[in-house]
Amino acid sequence: MKKYDVVEKKVTEYELLSVTCNKCGKTKQLTGDNDERQWDAEQFQSIICSFGYGSKFDMEKWSFDICEDCLVEFVASFKIKPEGFGE
Protein backbone atom coordinates (compact mmCIF):
# COMPACT_ATOMS: atom_id res chain seq x y z
CA MET A 1 0.00 0.00 0.00
CA LYS A 2 1.25 3.44 -0.91
CA LYS A 3 0.72 6.45 1.25
CA TYR A 4 0.85 9.98 -0.15
CA ASP A 5 1.13 13.44 1.31
CA VAL A 6 -0.47 16.45 -0.36
CA VAL A 7 2.17 18.87 -1.58
CA GLU A 8 1.24 22.21 -3.11
CA LYS A 9 3.62 23.41 -5.78
CA LYS A 10 3.90 26.76 -7.49
CA VAL A 11 3.92 26.46 -11.28
CA THR A 12 5.21 29.29 -13.45
CA GLU A 13 3.80 29.55 -16.95
CA TYR A 14 5.04 31.81 -19.71
CA GLU A 15 2.76 33.57 -22.19
CA LEU A 16 4.19 34.65 -25.52
CA LEU A 17 3.67 38.42 -25.87
CA SER A 18 5.59 39.26 -29.05
CA VAL A 19 7.95 37.86 -31.67
CA THR A 20 10.72 39.85 -33.38
CA CYS A 21 12.60 38.88 -36.53
CA ASN A 22 16.31 38.80 -35.77
CA LYS A 23 17.14 39.81 -39.38
CA CYS A 24 14.84 42.77 -40.18
CA GLY A 25 13.56 43.68 -36.71
CA LYS A 26 9.86 43.35 -37.59
CA THR A 27 7.87 42.74 -34.40
CA LYS A 28 4.43 41.20 -34.03
CA GLN A 29 2.59 41.96 -30.78
CA LEU A 30 0.52 38.92 -29.83
CA THR A 31 -2.89 39.46 -28.25
CA GLY A 32 -5.93 37.38 -27.47
CA ASP A 33 -6.11 33.93 -25.98
CA ASN A 34 -3.31 31.39 -26.24
CA ASP A 35 -4.60 29.92 -29.52
CA GLU A 36 -4.81 33.37 -31.15
CA ARG A 37 -1.30 34.27 -29.98
CA GLN A 38 0.07 30.96 -31.29
CA TRP A 39 -1.69 31.51 -34.64
CA ASP A 40 -0.11 34.98 -35.06
CA ALA A 41 3.31 33.66 -34.00
CA GLU A 42 3.19 31.19 -36.92
CA GLN A 43 4.20 34.11 -39.19
CA PHE A 44 7.71 33.59 -37.77
CA GLN A 45 9.96 30.55 -37.71
CA SER A 46 12.24 29.65 -34.81
CA ILE A 47 15.60 28.31 -35.96
CA ILE A 48 17.95 26.37 -33.68
CA CYS A 49 21.48 25.47 -34.79
CA SER A 50 23.51 23.11 -32.61
CA PHE A 51 27.14 22.78 -33.65
CA GLY A 52 29.13 19.67 -32.92
CA TYR A 53 32.58 18.19 -33.07
CA GLY A 54 34.66 19.38 -35.99
CA SER A 55 32.72 22.60 -36.51
CA LYS A 56 34.47 25.91 -36.00
CA PHE A 57 31.48 26.68 -33.75
CA ASP A 58 31.85 23.44 -31.77
CA MET A 59 29.72 23.38 -28.60
CA GLU A 60 27.78 26.51 -29.62
CA LYS A 61 24.02 26.66 -29.94
CA TRP A 62 22.33 29.47 -31.82
CA SER A 63 18.62 30.20 -31.73
CA PHE A 64 16.76 32.97 -33.51
CA ASP A 65 13.39 33.91 -34.97
CA ILE A 66 12.92 34.96 -38.58
CA CYS A 67 9.82 36.34 -40.32
CA GLU A 68 8.44 34.67 -43.43
CA ASP A 69 9.62 37.49 -45.74
CA CYS A 70 13.23 37.20 -44.53
CA LEU A 71 13.07 33.40 -44.63
CA VAL A 72 11.90 33.42 -48.26
CA GLU A 73 14.65 35.93 -49.15
CA PHE A 74 17.24 33.72 -47.42
CA VAL A 75 16.09 30.45 -49.01
CA ALA A 76 15.78 32.10 -52.45
CA SER A 77 19.54 32.77 -52.27
CA PHE A 78 20.32 29.02 -52.10
CA LYS A 79 22.00 27.48 -55.16
CA ILE A 80 19.99 24.31 -54.50
CA LYS A 81 16.45 25.13 -53.42
CA PRO A 82 14.84 22.93 -50.76
CA GLU A 83 12.10 20.55 -51.75
CA GLY A 84 8.70 22.25 -51.76
CA PHE A 85 10.07 25.81 -51.99
CA GLY A 86 8.27 27.98 -54.55
CA GLU A 87 5.71 25.35 -55.51
PDB file of N, CA and C in Angstrom:
ATOM      1  N   MET A   1       0.837  -1.169   0.000  1.00  0.00           N
ATOM      2  CA  MET A   1       0.000   0.000   0.000  1.00  0.00           C
ATOM      3  C   MET A   1       0.889   1.242   0.000  1.00  0.00           C
ATOM      4  N   LYS A   2       0.503   2.190  -0.831  1.00  0.00           N
ATOM      5  CA  LYS A   2       1.253   3.436  -0.914  1.00  0.00           C
ATOM      6  C   LYS A   2       0.516   4.522  -0.154  1.00  0.00           C
ATOM      7  N   LYS A   3       1.286   5.350   0.485  1.00  0.00           N
ATOM      8  CA  LYS A   3       0.715   6.446   1.250  1.00  0.00           C
ATOM      9  C   LYS A   3       1.276   7.751   0.686  1.00  0.00           C
ATOM     10  N   TYR A   4       0.424   8.717   0.451  1.00  0.00           N
ATOM     11  CA  TYR A   4       0.846   9.978  -0.154  1.00  0.00           C
ATOM     12  C   TYR A   4       0.548  11.148   0.764  1.00  0.00           C
ATOM     13  N   ASP A   5       1.343  12.185   0.611  1.00  0.00           N
ATOM     14  CA  ASP A   5       1.127  13.438   1.312  1.00  0.00           C
ATOM     15  C   ASP A   5       0.775  14.478   0.249  1.00  0.00           C
ATOM     16  N   VAL A   6      -0.101  15.387   0.567  1.00  0.00           N
ATOM     17  CA  VAL A   6      -0.470  16.448  -0.359  1.00  0.00           C
ATOM     18  C   VAL A   6       0.605  17.534  -0.313  1.00  0.00           C
ATOM     19  N   VAL A   7       1.136  17.844  -1.476  1.00  0.00           N
ATOM     20  CA  VAL A   7       2.173  18.867  -1.579  1.00  0.00           C
ATOM     21  C   VAL A   7       1.708  19.899  -2.600  1.00  0.00           C
ATOM     22  N   GLU A   8       1.609  21.143  -2.182  1.00  0.00           N
ATOM     23  CA  GLU A   8       1.244  22.209  -3.107  1.00  0.00           C
ATOM     24  C   GLU A   8       2.509  22.755  -3.739  1.00  0.00           C
ATOM     25  N   LYS A   9       2.460  22.910  -5.060  1.00  0.00           N
ATOM     26  CA  LYS A   9       3.619  23.413  -5.781  1.00  0.00           C
ATOM     27  C   LYS A   9       3.212  24.628  -6.604  1.00  0.00           C
ATOM     28  N   LYS A  10       4.120  25.573  -6.671  1.00  0.00           N
ATOM     29  CA  LYS A  10       3.900  26.755  -7.491  1.00  0.00           C
ATOM     30  C   LYS A  10       4.400  26.448  -8.900  1.00  0.00           C
ATOM     31  N   VAL A  11       3.556  26.707  -9.890  1.00  0.00           N
ATOM     32  CA  VAL A  11       3.917  26.464 -11.277  1.00  0.00           C
ATOM     33  C   VAL A  11       3.964  27.808 -12.003  1.00  0.00           C
ATOM     34  N   THR A  12       5.070  28.071 -12.670  1.00  0.00           N
ATOM     35  CA  THR A  12       5.206  29.293 -13.446  1.00  0.00           C
ATOM     36  C   THR A  12       4.974  28.971 -14.913  1.00  0.00           C
ATOM     37  N   GLU A  13       4.070  29.718 -15.531  1.00  0.00           N
ATOM     38  CA  GLU A  13       3.796  29.549 -16.950  1.00  0.00           C
ATOM     39  C   GLU A  13       4.201  30.819 -17.676  1.00  0.00           C
ATOM     40  N   TYR A  14       4.626  30.672 -18.908  1.00  0.00           N
ATOM     41  CA  TYR A  14       5.037  31.807 -19.715  1.00  0.00           C
ATOM     42  C   TYR A  14       4.051  31.997 -20.856  1.00  0.00           C
ATOM     43  N   GLU A  15       3.641  33.242 -21.079  1.00  0.00           N
ATOM     44  CA  GLU A  15       2.764  33.568 -22.190  1.00  0.00           C
ATOM     45  C   GLU A  15       3.557  34.372 -23.208  1.00  0.00           C
ATOM     46  N   LEU A  16       3.493  33.964 -24.450  1.00  0.00           N
ATOM     47  CA  LEU A  16       4.192  34.646 -25.525  1.00  0.00           C
ATOM     48  C   LEU A  16       3.501  35.976 -25.806  1.00  0.00           C
ATOM     49  N   LEU A  17       4.234  37.084 -25.694  1.00  0.00           N
ATOM     50  CA  LEU A  17       3.668  38.420 -25.874  1.00  0.00           C
ATOM     51  C   LEU A  17       4.006  39.032 -27.229  1.00  0.00           C
ATOM     52  N   SER A  18       5.184  38.711 -27.754  1.00  0.00           N
ATOM     53  CA  SER A  18       5.593  39.260 -29.045  1.00  0.00           C
ATOM     54  C   SER A  18       6.695  38.389 -29.640  1.00  0.00           C
ATOM     55  N   VAL A  19       6.867  38.541 -30.957  1.00  0.00           N
ATOM     56  CA  VAL A  19       7.949  37.860 -31.667  1.00  0.00           C
ATOM     57  C   VAL A  19       8.624  38.907 -32.547  1.00  0.00           C
ATOM     58  N   THR A  20       9.955  38.904 -32.569  1.00  0.00           N
ATOM     59  CA  THR A  20      10.716  39.849 -33.379  1.00  0.00           C
ATOM     60  C   THR A  20      11.664  39.087 -34.295  1.00  0.00           C
ATOM     61  N   CYS A  21      11.681  39.476 -35.564  1.00  0.00           N
ATOM     62  CA  CYS A  21      12.599  38.875 -36.533  1.00  0.00           C
ATOM     63  C   CYS A  21      14.009  39.364 -36.232  1.00  0.00           C
ATOM     64  N   ASN A  22      14.929  38.438 -36.055  1.00  0.00           N
ATOM     65  CA  ASN A  22      16.315  38.799 -35.773  1.00  0.00           C
ATOM     66  C   ASN A  22      16.996  39.468 -36.971  1.00  0.00           C
ATOM     67  N   LYS A  23      16.496  39.236 -38.188  1.00  0.00           N
ATOM     68  CA  LYS A  23      17.141  39.809 -39.376  1.00  0.00           C
ATOM     69  C   LYS A  23      16.666  41.234 -39.651  1.00  0.00           C
ATOM     70  N   CYS A  24      15.351  41.451 -39.777  1.00  0.00           N
ATOM     71  CA  CYS A  24      14.844  42.772 -40.177  1.00  0.00           C
ATOM     72  C   CYS A  24      14.298  43.599 -39.013  1.00  0.00           C
ATOM     73  N   GLY A  25      14.052  42.957 -37.872  1.00  0.00           N
ATOM     74  CA  GLY A  25      13.558  43.681 -36.705  1.00  0.00           C
ATOM     75  C   GLY A  25      12.048  43.820 -36.630  1.00  0.00           C
ATOM     76  N   LYS A  26      11.318  43.267 -37.620  1.00  0.00           N
ATOM     77  CA  LYS A  26       9.859  43.351 -37.587  1.00  0.00           C
ATOM     78  C   LYS A  26       9.348  42.639 -36.338  1.00  0.00           C
ATOM     79  N   THR A  27       8.425  43.304 -35.631  1.00  0.00           N
ATOM     80  CA  THR A  27       7.867  42.742 -34.401  1.00  0.00           C
ATOM     81  C   THR A  27       6.369  42.567 -34.546  1.00  0.00           C
ATOM     82  N   LYS A  28       5.868  41.466 -34.052  1.00  0.00           N
ATOM     83  CA  LYS A  28       4.428  41.201 -34.026  1.00  0.00           C
ATOM     84  C   LYS A  28       4.012  41.091 -32.571  1.00  0.00           C
ATOM     85  N   GLN A  29       3.155  42.029 -32.125  1.00  0.00           N
ATOM     86  CA  GLN A  29       2.592  41.956 -30.783  1.00  0.00           C
ATOM     87  C   GLN A  29       1.487  40.904 -30.810  1.00  0.00           C
ATOM     88  N   LEU A  30       1.473  40.027 -29.852  1.00  0.00           N
ATOM     89  CA  LEU A  30       0.517  38.923 -29.826  1.00  0.00           C
ATOM     90  C   LEU A  30      -0.532  39.193 -28.761  1.00  0.00           C
ATOM     91  N   THR A  31      -1.787  39.197 -29.176  1.00  0.00           N
ATOM     92  CA  THR A  31      -2.888  39.462 -28.254  1.00  0.00           C
ATOM     93  C   THR A  31      -3.923  38.354 -28.367  1.00  0.00           C
ATOM     94  N   GLY A  32      -4.872  38.371 -27.460  1.00  0.00           N
ATOM     95  CA  GLY A  32      -5.934  37.379 -27.470  1.00  0.00           C
ATOM     96  C   GLY A  32      -5.592  36.188 -26.598  1.00  0.00           C
ATOM     97  N   ASP A  33      -6.364  35.122 -26.781  1.00  0.00           N
ATOM     98  CA  ASP A  33      -6.111  33.926 -25.979  1.00  0.00           C
ATOM     99  C   ASP A  33      -4.891  33.184 -26.528  1.00  0.00           C
ATOM    100  N   ASN A  34      -4.524  32.118 -25.872  1.00  0.00           N
ATOM    101  CA  ASN A  34      -3.307  31.385 -26.237  1.00  0.00           C
ATOM    102  C   ASN A  34      -3.341  30.897 -27.685  1.00  0.00           C
ATOM    103  N   ASP A  35      -4.492  30.407 -28.143  1.00  0.00           N
ATOM    104  CA  ASP A  35      -4.603  29.916 -29.521  1.00  0.00           C
ATOM    105  C   ASP A  35      -4.393  31.044 -30.527  1.00  0.00           C
ATOM    106  N   GLU A  36      -4.968  32.220 -30.252  1.00  0.00           N
ATOM    107  CA  GLU A  36      -4.809  33.367 -31.152  1.00  0.00           C
ATOM    108  C   GLU A  36      -3.356  33.837 -31.194  1.00  0.00           C
ATOM    109  N   ARG A  37      -2.708  33.867 -30.034  1.00  0.00           N
ATOM    110  CA  ARG A  37      -1.301  34.271 -29.984  1.00  0.00           C
ATOM    111  C   ARG A  37      -0.434  33.278 -30.756  1.00  0.00           C
ATOM    112  N   GLN A  38      -0.703  31.996 -30.592  1.00  0.00           N
ATOM    113  CA  GLN A  38       0.069  30.963 -31.292  1.00  0.00           C
ATOM    114  C   GLN A  38      -0.133  31.080 -32.799  1.00  0.00           C
ATOM    115  N   TRP A  39      -1.372  31.359 -33.216  1.00  0.00           N
ATOM    116  CA  TRP A  39      -1.693  31.510 -34.640  1.00  0.00           C
ATOM    117  C   TRP A  39      -0.883  32.659 -35.240  1.00  0.00           C
ATOM    118  N   ASP A  40      -0.855  33.817 -34.568  1.00  0.00           N
ATOM    119  CA  ASP A  40      -0.110  34.977 -35.063  1.00  0.00           C
ATOM    120  C   ASP A  40       1.396  34.724 -35.055  1.00  0.00           C
ATOM    121  N   ALA A  41       1.880  33.955 -34.093  1.00  0.00           N
ATOM    122  CA  ALA A  41       3.314  33.660 -33.998  1.00  0.00           C
ATOM    123  C   ALA A  41       3.776  32.769 -35.144  1.00  0.00           C
ATOM    124  N   GLU A  42       2.838  32.082 -35.813  1.00  0.00           N
ATOM    125  CA  GLU A  42       3.187  31.189 -36.922  1.00  0.00           C
ATOM    126  C   GLU A  42       3.732  31.950 -38.125  1.00  0.00           C
ATOM    127  N   GLN A  43       3.644  33.291 -38.114  1.00  0.00           N
ATOM    128  CA  GLN A  43       4.203  34.105 -39.194  1.00  0.00           C
ATOM    129  C   GLN A  43       5.730  34.187 -39.083  1.00  0.00           C
ATOM    130  N   PHE A  44       6.275  33.615 -38.023  1.00  0.00           N
ATOM    131  CA  PHE A  44       7.711  33.595 -37.770  1.00  0.00           C
ATOM    132  C   PHE A  44       8.152  32.145 -37.588  1.00  0.00           C
ATOM    133  N   GLN A  45       9.401  31.875 -37.925  1.00  0.00           N
ATOM    134  CA  GLN A  45       9.963  30.548 -37.707  1.00  0.00           C
ATOM    135  C   GLN A  45      11.092  30.655 -36.696  1.00  0.00           C
ATOM    136  N   SER A  46      11.147  29.711 -35.785  1.00  0.00           N
ATOM    137  CA  SER A  46      12.237  29.647 -34.811  1.00  0.00           C
ATOM    138  C   SER A  46      13.275  28.661 -35.331  1.00  0.00           C
ATOM    139  N   ILE A  47      14.505  29.123 -35.434  1.00  0.00           N
ATOM    140  CA  ILE A  47      15.597  28.312 -35.957  1.00  0.00           C
ATOM    141  C   ILE A  47      16.572  28.019 -34.818  1.00  0.00           C
ATOM    142  N   ILE A  48      16.970  26.767 -34.690  1.00  0.00           N
ATOM    143  CA  ILE A  48      17.954  26.370 -33.680  1.00  0.00           C
ATOM    144  C   ILE A  48      19.080  25.632 -34.394  1.00  0.00           C
ATOM    145  N   CYS A  49      20.291  26.102 -34.204  1.00  0.00           N
ATOM    146  CA  CYS A  49      21.477  25.471 -34.787  1.00  0.00           C
ATOM    147  C   CYS A  49      22.362  24.979 -33.652  1.00  0.00           C
ATOM    148  N   SER A  50      22.620  23.689 -33.613  1.00  0.00           N
ATOM    149  CA  SER A  50      23.514  23.106 -32.609  1.00  0.00           C
ATOM    150  C   SER A  50      24.748  22.590 -33.329  1.00  0.00           C
ATOM    151  N   PHE A  51      25.899  23.133 -32.977  1.00  0.00           N
ATOM    152  CA  PHE A  51      27.140  22.783 -33.655  1.00  0.00           C
ATOM    153  C   PHE A  51      27.885  21.717 -32.864  1.00  0.00           C
ATOM    154  N   GLY A  52      28.451  20.777 -33.583  1.00  0.00           N
ATOM    155  CA  GLY A  52      29.126  19.667 -32.923  1.00  0.00           C
ATOM    156  C   GLY A  52      30.599  19.587 -33.255  1.00  0.00           C
ATOM    157  N   TYR A  53      31.160  18.462 -32.905  1.00  0.00           N
ATOM    158  CA  TYR A  53      32.583  18.185 -33.067  1.00  0.00           C
ATOM    159  C   TYR A  53      33.024  18.426 -34.504  1.00  0.00           C
ATOM    160  N   GLY A  54      34.115  19.121 -34.664  1.00  0.00           N
ATOM    161  CA  GLY A  54      34.656  19.385 -35.987  1.00  0.00           C
ATOM    162  C   GLY A  54      34.219  20.719 -36.572  1.00  0.00           C
ATOM    163  N   SER A  55      33.171  21.294 -36.035  1.00  0.00           N
ATOM    164  CA  SER A  55      32.718  22.595 -36.510  1.00  0.00           C
ATOM    165  C   SER A  55      33.560  23.695 -35.881  1.00  0.00           C
ATOM    166  N   LYS A  56      33.740  24.799 -36.608  1.00  0.00           N
ATOM    167  CA  LYS A  56      34.466  25.912 -35.997  1.00  0.00           C
ATOM    168  C   LYS A  56      33.626  26.576 -34.909  1.00  0.00           C
ATOM    169  N   PHE A  57      32.363  26.191 -34.809  1.00  0.00           N
ATOM    170  CA  PHE A  57      31.481  26.683 -33.751  1.00  0.00           C
ATOM    171  C   PHE A  57      31.153  25.572 -32.754  1.00  0.00           C
ATOM    172  N   ASP A  58      32.051  24.600 -32.655  1.00  0.00           N
ATOM    173  CA  ASP A  58      31.855  23.443 -31.774  1.00  0.00           C
ATOM    174  C   ASP A  58      31.356  23.870 -30.396  1.00  0.00           C
ATOM    175  N   MET A  59      30.330  23.189 -29.922  1.00  0.00           N
ATOM    176  CA  MET A  59      29.723  23.383 -28.603  1.00  0.00           C
ATOM    177  C   MET A  59      28.845  24.641 -28.517  1.00  0.00           C
ATOM    178  N   GLU A  60      28.654  25.345 -29.634  1.00  0.00           N
ATOM    179  CA  GLU A  60      27.785  26.514 -29.618  1.00  0.00           C
ATOM    180  C   GLU A  60      26.378  26.108 -30.033  1.00  0.00           C
ATOM    181  N   LYS A  61      25.409  26.871 -29.557  1.00  0.00           N
ATOM    182  CA  LYS A  61      24.016  26.659 -29.941  1.00  0.00           C
ATOM    183  C   LYS A  61      23.419  28.027 -30.219  1.00  0.00           C
ATOM    184  N   TRP A  62      22.942  28.210 -31.430  1.00  0.00           N
ATOM    185  CA  TRP A  62      22.329  29.472 -31.818  1.00  0.00           C
ATOM    186  C   TRP A  62      20.828  29.265 -31.936  1.00  0.00           C
ATOM    187  N   SER A  63      20.060  30.243 -31.514  1.00  0.00           N
ATOM    188  CA  SER A  63      18.616  30.201 -31.732  1.00  0.00           C
ATOM    189  C   SER A  63      18.152  31.608 -32.089  1.00  0.00           C
ATOM    190  N   PHE A  64      17.281  31.674 -33.079  1.00  0.00           N
ATOM    191  CA  PHE A  64      16.762  32.968 -33.508  1.00  0.00           C
ATOM    192  C   PHE A  64      15.411  32.780 -34.180  1.00  0.00           C
ATOM    193  N   ASP A  65      14.686  33.897 -34.306  1.00  0.00           N
ATOM    194  CA  ASP A  65      13.393  33.905 -34.974  1.00  0.00           C
ATOM    195  C   ASP A  65      13.525  34.722 -36.254  1.00  0.00           C
ATOM    196  N   ILE A  66      12.846  34.269 -37.296  1.00  0.00           N
ATOM    197  CA  ILE A  66      12.922  34.955 -38.581  1.00  0.00           C
ATOM    198  C   ILE A  66      11.521  35.014 -39.188  1.00  0.00           C
ATOM    199  N   CYS A  67      11.151  36.190 -39.726  1.00  0.00           N
ATOM    200  CA  CYS A  67       9.819  36.339 -40.322  1.00  0.00           C
ATOM    201  C   CYS A  67       9.788  35.619 -41.670  1.00  0.00           C
ATOM    202  N   GLU A  68       8.583  35.398 -42.174  1.00  0.00           N
ATOM    203  CA  GLU A  68       8.439  34.665 -43.430  1.00  0.00           C
ATOM    204  C   GLU A  68       9.105  35.389 -44.596  1.00  0.00           C
ATOM    205  N   ASP A  69       9.004  36.727 -44.638  1.00  0.00           N
ATOM    206  CA  ASP A  69       9.616  37.485 -45.738  1.00  0.00           C
ATOM    207  C   ASP A  69      11.129  37.278 -45.765  1.00  0.00           C
ATOM    208  N   CYS A  70      11.771  37.385 -44.606  1.00  0.00           N
ATOM    209  CA  CYS A  70      13.227  37.201 -44.528  1.00  0.00           C
ATOM    210  C   CYS A  70      13.613  35.753 -44.801  1.00  0.00           C
ATOM    211  N   LEU A  71      12.786  34.815 -44.373  1.00  0.00           N
ATOM    212  CA  LEU A  71      13.071  33.405 -44.628  1.00  0.00           C
ATOM    213  C   LEU A  71      13.029  33.109 -46.125  1.00  0.00           C
ATOM    214  N   VAL A  72      12.011  33.635 -46.814  1.00  0.00           N
ATOM    215  CA  VAL A  72      11.903  33.421 -48.257  1.00  0.00           C
ATOM    216  C   VAL A  72      13.100  34.052 -48.969  1.00  0.00           C
ATOM    217  N   GLU A  73      13.488  35.260 -48.559  1.00  0.00           N
ATOM    218  CA  GLU A  73      14.653  35.927 -49.149  1.00  0.00           C
ATOM    219  C   GLU A  73      15.918  35.091 -48.942  1.00  0.00           C
ATOM    220  N   PHE A  74      16.077  34.547 -47.748  1.00  0.00           N
ATOM    221  CA  PHE A  74      17.245  33.722 -47.421  1.00  0.00           C
ATOM    222  C   PHE A  74      17.270  32.443 -48.260  1.00  0.00           C
ATOM    223  N   VAL A  75      16.152  31.729 -48.290  1.00  0.00           N
ATOM    224  CA  VAL A  75      16.090  30.452 -49.014  1.00  0.00           C
ATOM    225  C   VAL A  75      16.212  30.680 -50.523  1.00  0.00           C
ATOM    226  N   ALA A  76      15.684  31.795 -51.023  1.00  0.00           N
ATOM    227  CA  ALA A  76      15.783  32.102 -52.454  1.00  0.00           C
ATOM    228  C   ALA A  76      17.240  32.283 -52.886  1.00  0.00           C
ATOM    229  N   SER A  77      18.124  32.592 -51.941  1.00  0.00           N
ATOM    230  CA  SER A  77      19.540  32.772 -52.267  1.00  0.00           C
ATOM    231  C   SER A  77      20.299  31.443 -52.383  1.00  0.00           C
ATOM    232  N   PHE A  78      19.672  30.328 -52.024  1.00  0.00           N
ATOM    233  CA  PHE A  78      20.321  29.020 -52.097  1.00  0.00           C
ATOM    234  C   PHE A  78      20.584  28.630 -53.557  1.00  0.00           C
ATOM    235  N   LYS A  79      21.726  28.025 -53.823  1.00  0.00           N
ATOM    236  CA  LYS A  79      21.998  27.480 -55.157  1.00  0.00           C
ATOM    237  C   LYS A  79      21.104  26.272 -55.417  1.00  0.00           C
ATOM    238  N   ILE A  80      20.874  25.475 -54.396  1.00  0.00           N
ATOM    239  CA  ILE A  80      19.994  24.312 -54.502  1.00  0.00           C
ATOM    240  C   ILE A  80      18.808  24.577 -53.585  1.00  0.00           C
ATOM    241  N   LYS A  81      17.654  24.785 -54.187  1.00  0.00           N
ATOM    242  CA  LYS A  81      16.454  25.127 -53.418  1.00  0.00           C
ATOM    243  C   LYS A  81      15.926  23.887 -52.694  1.00  0.00           C
ATOM    244  N   PRO A  82      15.401  24.067 -51.480  1.00  0.00           N
ATOM    245  CA  PRO A  82      14.838  22.930 -50.755  1.00  0.00           C
ATOM    246  C   PRO A  82      13.558  22.427 -51.420  1.00  0.00           C
ATOM    247  N   GLU A  83      13.303  21.172 -51.218  1.00  0.00           N
ATOM    248  CA  GLU A  83      12.104  20.549 -51.748  1.00  0.00           C
ATOM    249  C   GLU A  83      10.872  21.293 -51.244  1.00  0.00           C
ATOM    250  N   GLY A  84       9.935  21.590 -52.139  1.00  0.00           N
ATOM    251  CA  GLY A  84       8.697  22.254 -51.756  1.00  0.00           C
ATOM    252  C   GLY A  84       8.758  23.770 -51.827  1.00  0.00           C
ATOM    253  N   PHE A  85       9.934  24.349 -51.946  1.00  0.00           N
ATOM    254  CA  PHE A  85      10.066  25.807 -51.988  1.00  0.00           C
ATOM    255  C   PHE A  85       9.608  26.339 -53.342  1.00  0.00           C
ATOM    256  N   GLY A  86       8.723  27.327 -53.327  1.00  0.00           N
ATOM    257  CA  GLY A  86       8.267  27.975 -54.554  1.00  0.00           C
ATOM    258  C   GLY A  86       7.253  27.190 -55.354  1.00  0.00           C
ATOM    259  N   GLU A  87       6.701  26.151 -54.770  1.00  0.00           N
ATOM    260  CA  GLU A  87       5.709  25.349 -55.507  1.00  0.00           C
ATOM    261  C   GLU A  87       4.326  25.923 -55.323  1.00  0.00           C
TER     262      GLU A  87
END
